[in-house]
Each structure stands twice: as C-alpha cells, then as structure tokens.
C-alpha cells in the first residue's frame, strides 16, 4: 500500500503531540518496517523543517531529524499541474487540495491525516491514523 502521510501526523510523532501521538508513532514504525510505502510531499518537508526548528532551535539538529525522516518516508514532488487542478478542486482548503491532487497523480492508495473534514470531497480515500492502522493490520493478517 502507498500512503501519503500528512504533515500533522509527522509532527504528532516528532513532537509527541496528543491525542494522536501513539498512532503517529505507530505509523512511523510500520513505515520503517516496510509494512507500507510511506510518502510525504516536498511542501510538507519544508513545513516539517519549520515546525521542528521552532522546537529544536538548531538548524543542525533539525536537518538530522529530516535526514532520518527521509530514510523512512519518500518525498513526492508537487507539480504545476497539481497546483492548477487544486484551484478548481471541491476541497475548500487549497493546501489540502494540492496534497490530494499530488496523491492522485502519483497513484497513492490513500492519504492519512488528522484533518479528515477538509478532505471530505477528495477523490482518494482519506484515513484517520487509527483507521489506517486498522487497515494495515487487516492486510498483514
């Protein structure tokens, strides 16, 4: 399974943010153990850098964290076409619309996010972390 992991999941795991900390950490573990193919977008990568640097206050430490993240998750480029399609998307949040278009173009099986309400008009399956983990467990069994 190929899953695009939203920025919020990554930050929940890196910063141990409740209430999704445990599920986010489990998603990291499942990706590291190759139970699924995990991806983030290049845009998410920049957001993750910014949010992580606010906590570490260290460029060196933040880059190490990103380097480790890139071992677990592959990075998807967002294209001009993704941005243009997102403009006319029924998804009201533009950033989420761009992520959805990127996921569709790259043939992701789903997007995993804590923010499913903004994706209600997405053409790709959207899962909360807990539901994604349940789906993975069904596939493993």
N, C-alpha and C. Protein backbone atom coordinates (compact mmCIF):
# COMPACT_ATOMS: atom_id res chain seq x y z
N UNK A 1 0.83 -1.18 0.00
CA UNK A 1 0.00 0.00 0.00
C UNK A 1 0.88 1.24 0.00
N UNK A 2 0.49 2.23 -0.78
CA UNK A 2 1.20 3.50 -0.86
C UNK A 2 0.34 4.59 -0.20
N UNK A 3 0.87 5.18 0.87
CA UNK A 3 0.11 6.17 1.64
C UNK A 3 0.87 7.49 1.73
N UNK A 4 0.16 8.56 1.44
CA UNK A 4 0.70 9.91 1.64
C UNK A 4 0.35 10.34 3.05
N UNK A 5 1.37 10.65 3.82
CA UNK A 5 1.20 10.99 5.23
C UNK A 5 1.22 12.51 5.38
N UNK A 6 0.16 13.05 5.97
CA UNK A 6 0.03 14.50 6.12
C UNK A 6 1.02 15.01 7.16
N UNK A 7 1.35 16.28 7.04
CA UNK A 7 2.30 16.95 7.93
C UNK A 7 1.92 16.76 9.40
N UNK A 8 0.63 16.84 9.70
CA UNK A 8 0.20 16.76 11.10
C UNK A 8 0.60 15.44 11.74
N UNK A 9 0.59 14.36 10.98
CA UNK A 9 0.97 13.05 11.52
C UNK A 9 2.46 13.03 11.87
N UNK A 10 3.26 13.58 10.97
CA UNK A 10 4.71 13.62 11.19
C UNK A 10 5.03 14.44 12.43
N UNK A 11 4.41 15.62 12.54
CA UNK A 11 4.67 16.48 13.69
C UNK A 11 4.15 15.85 14.98
N UNK A 12 3.00 15.18 14.92
CA UNK A 12 2.49 14.49 16.11
C UNK A 12 3.51 13.48 16.63
N UNK A 13 4.15 12.75 15.71
CA UNK A 13 5.14 11.75 16.12
C UNK A 13 6.42 12.42 16.62
N UNK A 14 6.92 13.39 15.88
CA UNK A 14 8.20 14.02 16.24
C UNK A 14 8.12 14.80 17.55
N UNK A 15 6.96 15.41 17.80
CA UNK A 15 6.83 16.25 18.99
C UNK A 15 5.97 15.59 20.08
N UNK A 16 5.63 14.33 19.89
CA UNK A 16 4.81 13.59 20.86
C UNK A 16 3.55 14.37 21.23
N UNK A 17 2.87 14.88 20.20
CA UNK A 17 1.65 15.67 20.43
C UNK A 17 0.44 14.76 20.62
N UNK A 18 -0.32 15.07 21.63
CA UNK A 18 -1.57 14.37 21.89
C UNK A 18 -2.68 15.04 21.07
N UNK A 19 -3.72 14.35 20.71
CA UNK A 19 -4.08 13.00 21.12
C UNK A 19 -3.64 11.92 20.14
N UNK A 20 -2.91 12.27 19.08
CA UNK A 20 -2.58 11.29 18.03
C UNK A 20 -1.15 10.75 18.12
N UNK A 21 -0.45 11.05 19.20
CA UNK A 21 0.95 10.66 19.36
C UNK A 21 1.18 9.17 19.14
N UNK A 22 0.43 8.34 19.84
CA UNK A 22 0.65 6.89 19.77
C UNK A 22 0.42 6.35 18.36
N UNK A 23 -0.67 6.79 17.73
CA UNK A 23 -0.96 6.34 16.37
C UNK A 23 0.09 6.84 15.39
N UNK A 24 0.52 8.10 15.55
CA UNK A 24 1.54 8.67 14.66
C UNK A 24 2.86 7.90 14.80
N UNK A 25 3.25 7.60 16.02
CA UNK A 25 4.48 6.84 16.24
C UNK A 25 4.35 5.43 15.65
N UNK A 26 3.19 4.84 15.75
CA UNK A 26 2.97 3.52 15.18
C UNK A 26 3.06 3.57 13.65
N UNK A 27 2.58 4.64 13.06
CA UNK A 27 2.69 4.80 11.60
C UNK A 27 4.16 4.89 11.20
N UNK A 28 4.96 5.63 11.96
CA UNK A 28 6.42 5.68 11.71
C UNK A 28 7.01 4.28 11.76
N UNK A 29 6.67 3.54 12.81
CA UNK A 29 7.20 2.19 12.99
C UNK A 29 6.79 1.27 11.85
N UNK A 30 5.54 1.33 11.46
CA UNK A 30 5.04 0.49 10.35
C UNK A 30 5.75 0.85 9.05
N UNK A 31 5.97 2.14 8.81
CA UNK A 31 6.68 2.57 7.60
C UNK A 31 8.14 2.11 7.64
N UNK A 32 8.78 2.26 8.78
CA UNK A 32 10.17 1.85 8.92
C UNK A 32 10.32 0.34 8.72
N UNK A 33 9.31 -0.42 9.13
CA UNK A 33 9.32 -1.88 8.97
C UNK A 33 8.77 -2.33 7.62
N UNK A 34 8.54 -1.37 6.73
CA UNK A 34 8.10 -1.64 5.36
C UNK A 34 6.75 -2.36 5.29
N UNK A 35 5.87 -2.06 6.26
CA UNK A 35 4.52 -2.62 6.23
C UNK A 35 3.65 -1.89 5.19
N UNK A 36 4.11 -0.71 4.79
CA UNK A 36 3.50 0.06 3.71
C UNK A 36 4.56 1.02 3.17
N UNK A 37 4.31 1.58 2.01
CA UNK A 37 5.20 2.57 1.43
C UNK A 37 4.70 3.95 1.83
N UNK A 38 5.46 4.65 2.65
CA UNK A 38 5.06 5.95 3.16
C UNK A 38 5.70 7.09 2.40
N UNK A 39 4.93 8.13 2.17
CA UNK A 39 5.39 9.30 1.42
C UNK A 39 4.96 10.57 2.13
N UNK A 40 5.75 11.62 1.95
CA UNK A 40 5.38 12.98 2.31
C UNK A 40 5.61 13.83 1.07
N UNK A 41 5.04 15.02 1.05
CA UNK A 41 5.29 15.90 -0.09
C UNK A 41 6.50 16.79 0.22
N UNK A 42 7.08 17.33 -0.84
CA UNK A 42 8.20 18.27 -0.66
C UNK A 42 7.74 19.48 0.15
N UNK A 43 6.52 19.93 -0.09
CA UNK A 43 5.97 21.07 0.67
C UNK A 43 5.88 20.70 2.15
N UNK A 44 5.41 19.51 2.45
CA UNK A 44 5.34 19.06 3.84
C UNK A 44 6.73 19.04 4.47
N UNK A 45 7.71 18.65 3.69
CA UNK A 45 9.07 18.61 4.18
C UNK A 45 9.52 19.98 4.69
N UNK A 46 9.17 21.01 3.95
CA UNK A 46 9.53 22.38 4.37
C UNK A 46 8.76 22.79 5.62
N UNK A 47 7.49 22.42 5.69
CA UNK A 47 6.69 22.73 6.88
C UNK A 47 7.22 21.99 8.10
N UNK A 48 7.61 20.74 7.90
CA UNK A 48 8.16 19.94 9.00
C UNK A 48 9.46 20.56 9.50
N UNK A 49 10.29 21.03 8.56
CA UNK A 49 11.53 21.71 8.97
C UNK A 49 11.19 22.91 9.85
N UNK A 50 10.29 23.76 9.38
CA UNK A 50 9.93 24.98 10.10
C UNK A 50 9.40 24.66 11.50
N UNK A 51 8.44 23.74 11.58
CA UNK A 51 7.81 23.42 12.87
C UNK A 51 8.78 22.72 13.82
N UNK A 52 9.66 21.90 13.28
CA UNK A 52 10.64 21.20 14.12
C UNK A 52 11.72 22.17 14.60
N UNK A 53 12.14 23.06 13.73
CA UNK A 53 13.17 24.04 14.11
C UNK A 53 12.67 24.94 15.23
N UNK A 54 11.38 25.23 15.26
CA UNK A 54 10.82 26.04 16.35
C UNK A 54 11.00 25.35 17.70
N UNK A 55 11.06 24.02 17.69
CA UNK A 55 11.26 23.27 18.93
C UNK A 55 12.73 23.06 19.26
N UNK A 56 13.52 22.74 18.23
CA UNK A 56 14.93 22.43 18.48
C UNK A 56 15.81 23.68 18.58
N UNK A 57 15.42 24.74 17.88
CA UNK A 57 16.22 25.97 17.81
C UNK A 57 17.62 25.70 17.26
N UNK A 58 17.73 24.63 16.49
CA UNK A 58 19.03 24.24 15.95
C UNK A 58 18.87 23.75 14.51
N UNK A 59 19.53 24.43 13.60
CA UNK A 59 19.48 24.01 12.21
C UNK A 59 20.10 22.63 12.03
N UNK A 60 21.21 22.39 12.70
CA UNK A 60 21.90 21.10 12.60
C UNK A 60 21.01 19.97 13.09
N UNK A 61 20.40 20.14 14.26
CA UNK A 61 19.53 19.10 14.81
C UNK A 61 18.30 18.88 13.94
N UNK A 62 17.74 19.95 13.44
CA UNK A 62 16.55 19.83 12.60
C UNK A 62 16.88 19.10 11.30
N UNK A 63 18.02 19.41 10.72
CA UNK A 63 18.42 18.71 9.49
C UNK A 63 18.67 17.22 9.75
N UNK A 64 19.20 16.87 10.91
CA UNK A 64 19.38 15.46 11.26
C UNK A 64 18.04 14.75 11.36
N UNK A 65 17.07 15.43 11.97
CA UNK A 65 15.73 14.85 12.09
C UNK A 65 15.14 14.62 10.71
N UNK A 66 15.27 15.62 9.82
CA UNK A 66 14.76 15.46 8.46
C UNK A 66 15.48 14.34 7.72
N UNK A 67 16.77 14.26 7.91
CA UNK A 67 17.54 13.21 7.25
C UNK A 67 17.04 11.83 7.67
N UNK A 68 16.78 11.66 8.95
CA UNK A 68 16.22 10.39 9.44
C UNK A 68 14.81 10.16 8.91
N UNK A 69 14.04 11.22 8.82
CA UNK A 69 12.68 11.12 8.27
C UNK A 69 12.71 10.63 6.83
N UNK A 70 13.69 11.11 6.07
CA UNK A 70 13.80 10.73 4.65
C UNK A 70 14.21 9.28 4.45
N UNK A 71 14.72 8.65 5.49
CA UNK A 71 15.03 7.23 5.42
C UNK A 71 13.72 6.42 5.50
N UNK A 72 12.77 6.95 6.26
CA UNK A 72 11.51 6.24 6.49
C UNK A 72 10.48 6.54 5.41
N UNK A 73 10.40 7.81 5.02
CA UNK A 73 9.39 8.25 4.06
C UNK A 73 10.05 8.81 2.80
N UNK A 74 9.50 8.44 1.65
CA UNK A 74 9.95 9.02 0.39
C UNK A 74 9.24 10.36 0.18
N UNK A 75 9.82 11.18 -0.68
CA UNK A 75 9.29 12.53 -0.91
C UNK A 75 8.68 12.61 -2.30
N UNK A 76 7.46 13.14 -2.34
CA UNK A 76 6.77 13.36 -3.61
C UNK A 76 6.88 14.83 -4.02
N UNK A 77 7.21 15.06 -5.27
CA UNK A 77 7.20 16.41 -5.79
C UNK A 77 5.77 16.83 -6.09
N UNK A 78 5.49 18.09 -5.87
CA UNK A 78 4.21 18.68 -6.28
C UNK A 78 4.49 19.44 -7.56
N UNK A 79 3.64 19.23 -8.55
CA UNK A 79 3.86 19.83 -9.86
C UNK A 79 2.95 21.03 -10.09
N UNK A 80 3.27 21.73 -11.15
CA UNK A 80 2.42 22.84 -11.58
C UNK A 80 1.00 22.36 -11.83
N UNK A 81 0.85 21.20 -12.45
CA UNK A 81 -0.47 20.67 -12.74
C UNK A 81 -1.27 20.40 -11.46
N UNK A 82 -0.59 19.87 -10.43
CA UNK A 82 -1.26 19.65 -9.14
C UNK A 82 -1.82 20.96 -8.60
N UNK A 83 -1.02 22.01 -8.67
CA UNK A 83 -1.43 23.33 -8.16
C UNK A 83 -2.59 23.89 -8.98
N UNK A 84 -2.51 23.73 -10.30
CA UNK A 84 -3.58 24.25 -11.16
C UNK A 84 -4.89 23.49 -10.95
N UNK A 85 -4.81 22.18 -10.82
CA UNK A 85 -6.01 21.38 -10.58
C UNK A 85 -6.63 21.71 -9.22
N UNK A 86 -5.79 21.97 -8.25
CA UNK A 86 -6.27 22.27 -6.90
C UNK A 86 -7.09 23.55 -6.86
N UNK A 87 -6.80 24.47 -7.75
CA UNK A 87 -7.55 25.74 -7.80
C UNK A 87 -9.04 25.46 -8.00
N UNK A 88 -9.37 24.51 -8.86
CA UNK A 88 -10.78 24.23 -9.16
C UNK A 88 -11.32 23.03 -8.38
N UNK A 89 -10.58 22.56 -7.41
CA UNK A 89 -11.00 21.42 -6.60
C UNK A 89 -12.19 21.78 -5.72
N UNK A 90 -12.99 20.79 -5.41
CA UNK A 90 -14.09 20.96 -4.46
C UNK A 90 -13.59 20.97 -3.02
N UNK A 91 -12.32 20.64 -2.81
CA UNK A 91 -11.73 20.70 -1.48
C UNK A 91 -11.46 22.16 -1.16
N UNK A 92 -12.05 22.67 -0.11
CA UNK A 92 -12.02 24.11 0.17
C UNK A 92 -10.65 24.62 0.63
N UNK A 93 -9.88 23.82 1.34
CA UNK A 93 -8.57 24.24 1.80
C UNK A 93 -7.56 23.98 0.67
N UNK A 94 -6.95 25.04 0.16
CA UNK A 94 -6.09 24.92 -1.01
C UNK A 94 -4.91 23.97 -0.77
N UNK A 95 -4.25 24.08 0.37
CA UNK A 95 -3.11 23.19 0.65
C UNK A 95 -3.54 21.73 0.63
N UNK A 96 -4.68 21.44 1.20
CA UNK A 96 -5.19 20.07 1.20
C UNK A 96 -5.57 19.63 -0.21
N UNK A 97 -6.10 20.56 -1.00
CA UNK A 97 -6.45 20.25 -2.39
C UNK A 97 -5.19 19.91 -3.19
N UNK A 98 -4.12 20.65 -2.95
CA UNK A 98 -2.85 20.36 -3.64
C UNK A 98 -2.34 18.99 -3.23
N UNK A 99 -2.42 18.68 -1.95
CA UNK A 99 -1.95 17.37 -1.48
C UNK A 99 -2.79 16.26 -2.12
N UNK A 100 -4.08 16.46 -2.20
CA UNK A 100 -4.95 15.47 -2.80
C UNK A 100 -4.61 15.27 -4.28
N UNK A 101 -4.39 16.34 -5.00
CA UNK A 101 -4.03 16.24 -6.42
C UNK A 101 -2.69 15.55 -6.61
N UNK A 102 -1.74 15.84 -5.72
CA UNK A 102 -0.44 15.18 -5.78
C UNK A 102 -0.61 13.68 -5.53
N UNK A 103 -1.43 13.32 -4.56
CA UNK A 103 -1.68 11.91 -4.25
C UNK A 103 -2.35 11.20 -5.42
N UNK A 104 -3.29 11.85 -6.05
CA UNK A 104 -3.98 11.24 -7.20
C UNK A 104 -3.00 11.03 -8.35
N UNK A 105 -2.23 12.05 -8.67
CA UNK A 105 -1.29 11.98 -9.80
C UNK A 105 -0.24 10.88 -9.58
N UNK A 106 0.20 10.71 -8.35
CA UNK A 106 1.26 9.74 -8.05
C UNK A 106 0.71 8.37 -7.67
N UNK A 107 -0.61 8.22 -7.82
CA UNK A 107 -1.27 6.93 -7.61
C UNK A 107 -1.11 6.39 -6.19
N UNK A 108 -1.24 7.29 -5.22
CA UNK A 108 -1.28 6.87 -3.82
C UNK A 108 -2.58 6.11 -3.58
N UNK A 109 -2.56 5.19 -2.65
CA UNK A 109 -3.78 4.47 -2.28
C UNK A 109 -4.64 5.27 -1.32
N UNK A 110 -4.00 6.17 -0.56
CA UNK A 110 -4.75 6.94 0.43
C UNK A 110 -3.91 8.09 0.97
N UNK A 111 -4.57 8.95 1.71
CA UNK A 111 -3.92 10.00 2.50
C UNK A 111 -4.26 9.73 3.96
N UNK A 112 -3.28 9.85 4.84
CA UNK A 112 -3.50 9.69 6.27
C UNK A 112 -3.34 11.06 6.91
N UNK A 113 -4.38 11.49 7.62
CA UNK A 113 -4.39 12.82 8.23
C UNK A 113 -5.26 12.83 9.47
N UNK A 114 -5.03 13.80 10.33
CA UNK A 114 -5.91 14.02 11.48
C UNK A 114 -7.05 14.96 11.11
N UNK A 115 -6.99 15.49 9.91
CA UNK A 115 -7.89 16.55 9.48
C UNK A 115 -8.79 16.06 8.34
N UNK A 116 -9.58 15.04 8.60
CA UNK A 116 -10.36 14.45 7.51
C UNK A 116 -11.50 15.34 7.02
N UNK A 117 -11.98 16.26 7.86
CA UNK A 117 -13.11 17.08 7.44
C UNK A 117 -12.78 17.94 6.22
N UNK A 118 -11.54 18.41 6.12
CA UNK A 118 -11.16 19.22 4.96
C UNK A 118 -11.03 18.40 3.68
N UNK A 119 -10.93 17.09 3.82
CA UNK A 119 -10.77 16.21 2.65
C UNK A 119 -12.07 15.51 2.26
N UNK A 120 -13.19 15.93 2.80
CA UNK A 120 -14.44 15.19 2.59
C UNK A 120 -14.83 15.10 1.11
N UNK A 121 -14.32 15.98 0.27
CA UNK A 121 -14.65 15.93 -1.16
C UNK A 121 -13.48 15.39 -1.99
N UNK A 122 -12.57 14.73 -1.36
CA UNK A 122 -11.41 14.18 -2.05
C UNK A 122 -11.80 12.95 -2.87
N UNK A 123 -11.09 12.74 -3.97
CA UNK A 123 -11.32 11.58 -4.83
C UNK A 123 -10.42 10.41 -4.46
N UNK A 124 -9.72 10.54 -3.36
CA UNK A 124 -8.83 9.48 -2.89
C UNK A 124 -9.23 9.15 -1.45
N UNK A 125 -9.15 7.89 -1.04
CA UNK A 125 -9.52 7.55 0.34
C UNK A 125 -8.68 8.32 1.37
N UNK A 126 -9.35 8.77 2.41
CA UNK A 126 -8.72 9.53 3.49
C UNK A 126 -8.95 8.77 4.78
N UNK A 127 -7.88 8.60 5.57
CA UNK A 127 -7.99 7.86 6.82
C UNK A 127 -7.44 8.65 7.99
N UNK A 128 -8.13 8.54 9.12
CA UNK A 128 -7.54 8.96 10.38
C UNK A 128 -6.43 7.96 10.71
N UNK A 129 -5.45 8.36 11.50
CA UNK A 129 -4.36 7.43 11.84
C UNK A 129 -4.84 6.09 12.39
N UNK A 130 -5.80 6.11 13.30
CA UNK A 130 -6.28 4.87 13.91
C UNK A 130 -6.93 3.95 12.87
N UNK A 131 -7.68 4.55 11.94
CA UNK A 131 -8.33 3.74 10.90
C UNK A 131 -7.31 3.19 9.90
N UNK A 132 -6.29 3.97 9.61
CA UNK A 132 -5.23 3.50 8.71
C UNK A 132 -4.50 2.31 9.35
N UNK A 133 -4.20 2.40 10.62
CA UNK A 133 -3.51 1.30 11.31
C UNK A 133 -4.38 0.04 11.33
N UNK A 134 -5.68 0.19 11.52
CA UNK A 134 -6.58 -0.95 11.47
C UNK A 134 -6.56 -1.59 10.08
N UNK A 135 -6.56 -0.75 9.05
CA UNK A 135 -6.49 -1.25 7.67
C UNK A 135 -5.21 -2.00 7.43
N UNK A 136 -4.09 -1.48 7.91
CA UNK A 136 -2.80 -2.17 7.76
C UNK A 136 -2.83 -3.51 8.47
N UNK A 137 -3.38 -3.56 9.65
CA UNK A 137 -3.45 -4.81 10.40
C UNK A 137 -4.28 -5.86 9.67
N UNK A 138 -5.33 -5.43 8.99
CA UNK A 138 -6.16 -6.36 8.20
C UNK A 138 -5.35 -6.92 7.03
N UNK A 139 -4.53 -6.07 6.40
CA UNK A 139 -3.74 -6.52 5.26
C UNK A 139 -2.63 -7.45 5.68
N UNK A 140 -2.08 -7.27 6.87
CA UNK A 140 -0.97 -8.10 7.35
C UNK A 140 -1.46 -9.49 7.72
N UNK A 141 -2.66 -9.57 8.28
CA UNK A 141 -3.20 -10.85 8.76
C UNK A 141 -3.55 -11.76 7.64
